[in-house]
Amino acid sequence: MIRSFELGLIGYLIPWHAPLLDVVLAGISAAGTAGGLWALLGVLGLFDRRTREHAINCYDLLFRPEALRKRAGTGQREGFADAGPVRVK
């Protein structure tokens, strides 16, 4: 789902041929954390981790697509613990 501010950024960056790396941290990602400062620190840590993972995926998409293919189906989850490889019966 594209939000209005994303459309504005995209419209601004297209003429400049500038890349846009959008990282969304949904409220459900931080579910189960305690309130207050600890919750804020947990969300900031999650945001930092997810941003780094998105940046690596973006780099791989542009310059190392074989790395993405190698990780496909391995159950990696951005922001959460990895789920493990796909199990086929």
N, C-alpha and C. Protein backbone atom coordinates (compact mmCIF):
# COMPACT_ATOMS: atom_id res chain seq x y z
N MET A 1 0.84 -1.17 0.00
CA MET A 1 0.00 0.00 0.00
C MET A 1 0.89 1.24 0.00
N ILE A 2 0.73 2.05 -1.01
CA ILE A 2 1.54 3.27 -1.11
C ILE A 2 0.82 4.40 -0.41
N ARG A 3 1.55 5.05 0.48
CA ARG A 3 0.99 6.19 1.20
C ARG A 3 1.28 7.48 0.44
N SER A 4 0.55 8.53 0.74
CA SER A 4 0.66 9.78 -0.01
C SER A 4 2.05 10.39 0.04
N PHE A 5 2.73 10.28 1.19
CA PHE A 5 4.08 10.87 1.24
C PHE A 5 5.05 10.10 0.35
N GLU A 6 4.83 8.78 0.18
CA GLU A 6 5.68 8.01 -0.73
C GLU A 6 5.48 8.46 -2.16
N LEU A 7 4.24 8.72 -2.54
CA LEU A 7 3.98 9.21 -3.89
C LEU A 7 4.68 10.54 -4.12
N GLY A 8 4.66 11.41 -3.11
CA GLY A 8 5.36 12.68 -3.23
C GLY A 8 6.86 12.50 -3.40
N LEU A 9 7.44 11.62 -2.62
CA LEU A 9 8.88 11.35 -2.74
C LEU A 9 9.21 10.78 -4.11
N ILE A 10 8.42 9.83 -4.55
CA ILE A 10 8.66 9.22 -5.85
C ILE A 10 8.58 10.27 -6.95
N GLY A 11 7.54 11.11 -6.89
CA GLY A 11 7.39 12.16 -7.89
C GLY A 11 8.55 13.13 -7.89
N TYR A 12 9.10 13.42 -6.72
CA TYR A 12 10.24 14.34 -6.63
C TYR A 12 11.52 13.69 -7.13
N LEU A 13 11.74 12.41 -6.82
CA LEU A 13 13.01 11.75 -7.12
C LEU A 13 13.14 11.25 -8.55
N ILE A 14 12.03 11.01 -9.24
CA ILE A 14 12.10 10.47 -10.60
C ILE A 14 12.92 11.36 -11.54
N PRO A 15 12.68 12.67 -11.60
CA PRO A 15 13.47 13.49 -12.52
C PRO A 15 14.96 13.49 -12.20
N TRP A 16 15.31 13.24 -10.96
CA TRP A 16 16.72 13.27 -10.55
C TRP A 16 17.37 11.89 -10.65
N HIS A 17 16.61 10.88 -11.03
CA HIS A 17 17.11 9.50 -11.11
C HIS A 17 17.73 9.08 -9.78
N ALA A 18 17.11 9.49 -8.69
CA ALA A 18 17.61 9.17 -7.36
C ALA A 18 16.90 7.93 -6.83
N PRO A 19 17.64 7.06 -6.17
CA PRO A 19 17.00 5.86 -5.61
C PRO A 19 16.18 6.20 -4.38
N LEU A 20 15.19 5.37 -4.13
CA LEU A 20 14.34 5.53 -2.96
C LEU A 20 14.28 4.18 -2.25
N LEU A 21 14.74 4.13 -1.02
CA LEU A 21 14.66 2.92 -0.21
C LEU A 21 13.65 3.21 0.89
N ASP A 22 12.49 2.60 0.79
CA ASP A 22 11.41 2.84 1.74
C ASP A 22 11.37 1.70 2.75
N VAL A 23 11.43 2.04 4.01
CA VAL A 23 11.35 1.06 5.08
C VAL A 23 10.15 1.41 5.94
N VAL A 24 9.20 0.50 6.02
CA VAL A 24 7.99 0.71 6.81
C VAL A 24 8.05 -0.19 8.03
N LEU A 25 7.82 0.40 9.17
CA LEU A 25 7.79 -0.37 10.40
C LEU A 25 6.35 -0.35 10.89
N ALA A 26 5.64 -1.42 10.61
CA ALA A 26 4.23 -1.51 10.98
C ALA A 26 4.10 -1.69 12.48
N GLY A 27 2.97 -1.26 13.02
CA GLY A 27 2.73 -1.37 14.45
C GLY A 27 2.79 -2.79 14.95
N ILE A 28 2.41 -3.75 14.12
CA ILE A 28 2.42 -5.15 14.54
C ILE A 28 3.84 -5.65 14.74
N SER A 29 4.83 -5.02 14.10
CA SER A 29 6.21 -5.44 14.26
C SER A 29 6.70 -5.26 15.68
N ALA A 30 6.17 -4.27 16.36
CA ALA A 30 6.62 -3.98 17.72
C ALA A 30 5.66 -4.55 18.76
N ALA A 31 4.71 -5.37 18.35
CA ALA A 31 3.74 -5.93 19.30
C ALA A 31 4.45 -6.77 20.35
N GLY A 32 3.95 -6.71 21.55
CA GLY A 32 4.50 -7.52 22.62
C GLY A 32 5.62 -6.85 23.38
N THR A 33 6.02 -5.64 22.98
CA THR A 33 7.07 -4.95 23.72
C THR A 33 6.45 -4.20 24.89
N ALA A 34 7.24 -3.99 25.91
CA ALA A 34 6.77 -3.24 27.07
C ALA A 34 6.66 -1.77 26.71
N GLY A 35 5.93 -1.01 27.48
CA GLY A 35 5.76 0.41 27.18
C GLY A 35 6.96 1.23 27.59
N GLY A 36 6.89 2.51 27.30
CA GLY A 36 7.91 3.45 27.74
C GLY A 36 9.19 3.41 26.93
N LEU A 37 10.27 3.77 27.62
CA LEU A 37 11.57 3.90 26.96
C LEU A 37 12.04 2.59 26.36
N TRP A 38 11.83 1.47 27.06
CA TRP A 38 12.29 0.17 26.53
C TRP A 38 11.60 -0.15 25.21
N ALA A 39 10.33 0.18 25.11
CA ALA A 39 9.60 -0.05 23.85
C ALA A 39 10.19 0.80 22.74
N LEU A 40 10.48 2.07 23.05
CA LEU A 40 11.07 2.97 22.05
C LEU A 40 12.42 2.46 21.59
N LEU A 41 13.25 2.03 22.53
CA LEU A 41 14.56 1.50 22.16
C LEU A 41 14.43 0.23 21.32
N GLY A 42 13.47 -0.62 21.66
CA GLY A 42 13.25 -1.83 20.88
C GLY A 42 12.80 -1.53 19.46
N VAL A 43 11.92 -0.56 19.32
CA VAL A 43 11.44 -0.18 17.99
C VAL A 43 12.57 0.45 17.18
N LEU A 44 13.38 1.29 17.82
CA LEU A 44 14.50 1.90 17.11
C LEU A 44 15.50 0.85 16.65
N GLY A 45 15.75 -0.15 17.50
CA GLY A 45 16.64 -1.24 17.11
C GLY A 45 16.08 -2.05 15.95
N LEU A 46 14.78 -2.30 16.00
CA LEU A 46 14.12 -3.04 14.93
C LEU A 46 14.17 -2.24 13.63
N PHE A 47 13.93 -0.93 13.73
CA PHE A 47 14.00 -0.07 12.54
C PHE A 47 15.40 -0.08 11.95
N ASP A 48 16.42 0.01 12.80
CA ASP A 48 17.81 -0.01 12.33
C ASP A 48 18.11 -1.33 11.62
N ARG A 49 17.72 -2.43 12.24
CA ARG A 49 17.98 -3.76 11.64
C ARG A 49 17.26 -3.91 10.31
N ARG A 50 15.99 -3.53 10.28
CA ARG A 50 15.21 -3.69 9.05
C ARG A 50 15.75 -2.80 7.93
N THR A 51 16.18 -1.59 8.27
CA THR A 51 16.75 -0.68 7.27
C THR A 51 18.01 -1.28 6.66
N ARG A 52 18.86 -1.83 7.51
CA ARG A 52 20.09 -2.45 7.01
C ARG A 52 19.78 -3.65 6.12
N GLU A 53 18.80 -4.47 6.52
CA GLU A 53 18.43 -5.63 5.71
C GLU A 53 17.85 -5.21 4.36
N HIS A 54 17.02 -4.17 4.36
CA HIS A 54 16.48 -3.67 3.09
C HIS A 54 17.59 -3.14 2.18
N ALA A 55 18.55 -2.43 2.77
CA ALA A 55 19.66 -1.88 1.98
C ALA A 55 20.48 -3.01 1.35
N ILE A 56 20.72 -4.06 2.10
CA ILE A 56 21.47 -5.21 1.55
C ILE A 56 20.67 -5.85 0.42
N ASN A 57 19.36 -6.03 0.63
CA ASN A 57 18.52 -6.61 -0.42
C ASN A 57 18.50 -5.74 -1.67
N CYS A 58 18.46 -4.43 -1.48
CA CYS A 58 18.46 -3.51 -2.61
C CYS A 58 19.78 -3.61 -3.39
N TYR A 59 20.89 -3.64 -2.67
CA TYR A 59 22.19 -3.79 -3.31
C TYR A 59 22.26 -5.11 -4.08
N ASP A 60 21.81 -6.18 -3.43
CA ASP A 60 21.83 -7.48 -4.09
C ASP A 60 20.94 -7.50 -5.33
N LEU A 61 19.80 -6.86 -5.26
CA LEU A 61 18.89 -6.81 -6.40
C LEU A 61 19.57 -6.14 -7.59
N LEU A 62 20.33 -5.08 -7.32
CA LEU A 62 20.98 -4.33 -8.41
C LEU A 62 22.28 -4.96 -8.88
N PHE A 63 23.09 -5.48 -7.96
CA PHE A 63 24.44 -5.88 -8.32
C PHE A 63 24.76 -7.36 -8.11
N ARG A 64 23.99 -8.06 -7.29
CA ARG A 64 24.26 -9.48 -7.03
C ARG A 64 22.97 -10.28 -6.99
N PRO A 65 22.22 -10.34 -8.10
CA PRO A 65 20.94 -11.06 -8.08
C PRO A 65 21.10 -12.54 -7.71
N GLU A 66 22.27 -13.11 -7.95
CA GLU A 66 22.48 -14.51 -7.59
C GLU A 66 22.42 -14.70 -6.07
N ALA A 67 22.80 -13.68 -5.31
CA ALA A 67 22.72 -13.75 -3.85
C ALA A 67 21.26 -13.82 -3.40
N LEU A 68 20.39 -13.07 -4.07
CA LEU A 68 18.96 -13.14 -3.74
C LEU A 68 18.40 -14.51 -4.08
N ARG A 69 18.78 -15.04 -5.24
CA ARG A 69 18.29 -16.36 -5.63
C ARG A 69 18.75 -17.42 -4.64
N LYS A 70 19.98 -17.27 -4.14
CA LYS A 70 20.53 -18.24 -3.19
C LYS A 70 19.74 -18.22 -1.87
N ARG A 71 19.27 -17.04 -1.45
CA ARG A 71 18.52 -16.92 -0.20
C ARG A 71 17.03 -17.20 -0.36
N ALA A 72 16.55 -17.27 -1.60
CA ALA A 72 15.12 -17.49 -1.84
C ALA A 72 14.67 -18.80 -1.21
N GLY A 73 13.54 -18.77 -0.51
CA GLY A 73 12.98 -19.97 0.10
C GLY A 73 13.67 -20.41 1.37
N THR A 74 14.58 -19.59 1.91
CA THR A 74 15.30 -20.00 3.12
C THR A 74 14.61 -19.54 4.40
N GLY A 75 13.49 -18.85 4.27
CA GLY A 75 12.70 -18.46 5.44
C GLY A 75 13.23 -17.27 6.19
N GLN A 76 14.04 -16.45 5.55
CA GLN A 76 14.56 -15.26 6.23
C GLN A 76 13.45 -14.23 6.35
N ARG A 77 13.37 -13.63 7.51
CA ARG A 77 12.33 -12.65 7.79
C ARG A 77 12.98 -11.35 8.21
N GLU A 78 12.62 -10.26 7.56
CA GLU A 78 13.17 -8.97 7.94
C GLU A 78 12.50 -8.48 9.21
N GLY A 79 13.30 -8.24 10.23
CA GLY A 79 12.78 -7.73 11.48
C GLY A 79 12.36 -8.81 12.47
N PHE A 80 12.30 -10.04 12.04
CA PHE A 80 11.90 -11.14 12.91
C PHE A 80 12.93 -12.25 12.81
N ALA A 81 12.82 -13.22 13.68
CA ALA A 81 13.70 -14.39 13.59
C ALA A 81 13.40 -15.15 12.31
N ASP A 82 14.42 -15.73 11.70
CA ASP A 82 14.23 -16.48 10.47
C ASP A 82 13.38 -17.71 10.75
N ALA A 83 12.52 -18.04 9.78
CA ALA A 83 11.59 -19.15 9.93
C ALA A 83 12.17 -20.47 9.44
N GLY A 84 13.30 -20.44 8.79
CA GLY A 84 13.88 -21.67 8.26
C GLY A 84 13.42 -21.94 6.83
N PRO A 85 14.02 -22.91 6.17
CA PRO A 85 13.70 -23.18 4.78
C PRO A 85 12.27 -23.70 4.58
N VAL A 86 11.81 -23.56 3.35
CA VAL A 86 10.48 -24.05 2.99
C VAL A 86 10.50 -25.58 3.06
N ARG A 87 9.47 -26.15 3.67
CA ARG A 87 9.35 -27.61 3.77
C ARG A 87 8.30 -28.09 2.78
N VAL A 88 8.70 -28.98 1.88
CA VAL A 88 7.80 -29.52 0.88
C VAL A 88 7.54 -30.97 1.22
N LYS A 89 6.26 -31.32 1.30
CA LYS A 89 5.91 -32.70 1.63
C LYS A 89 5.88 -33.56 0.40
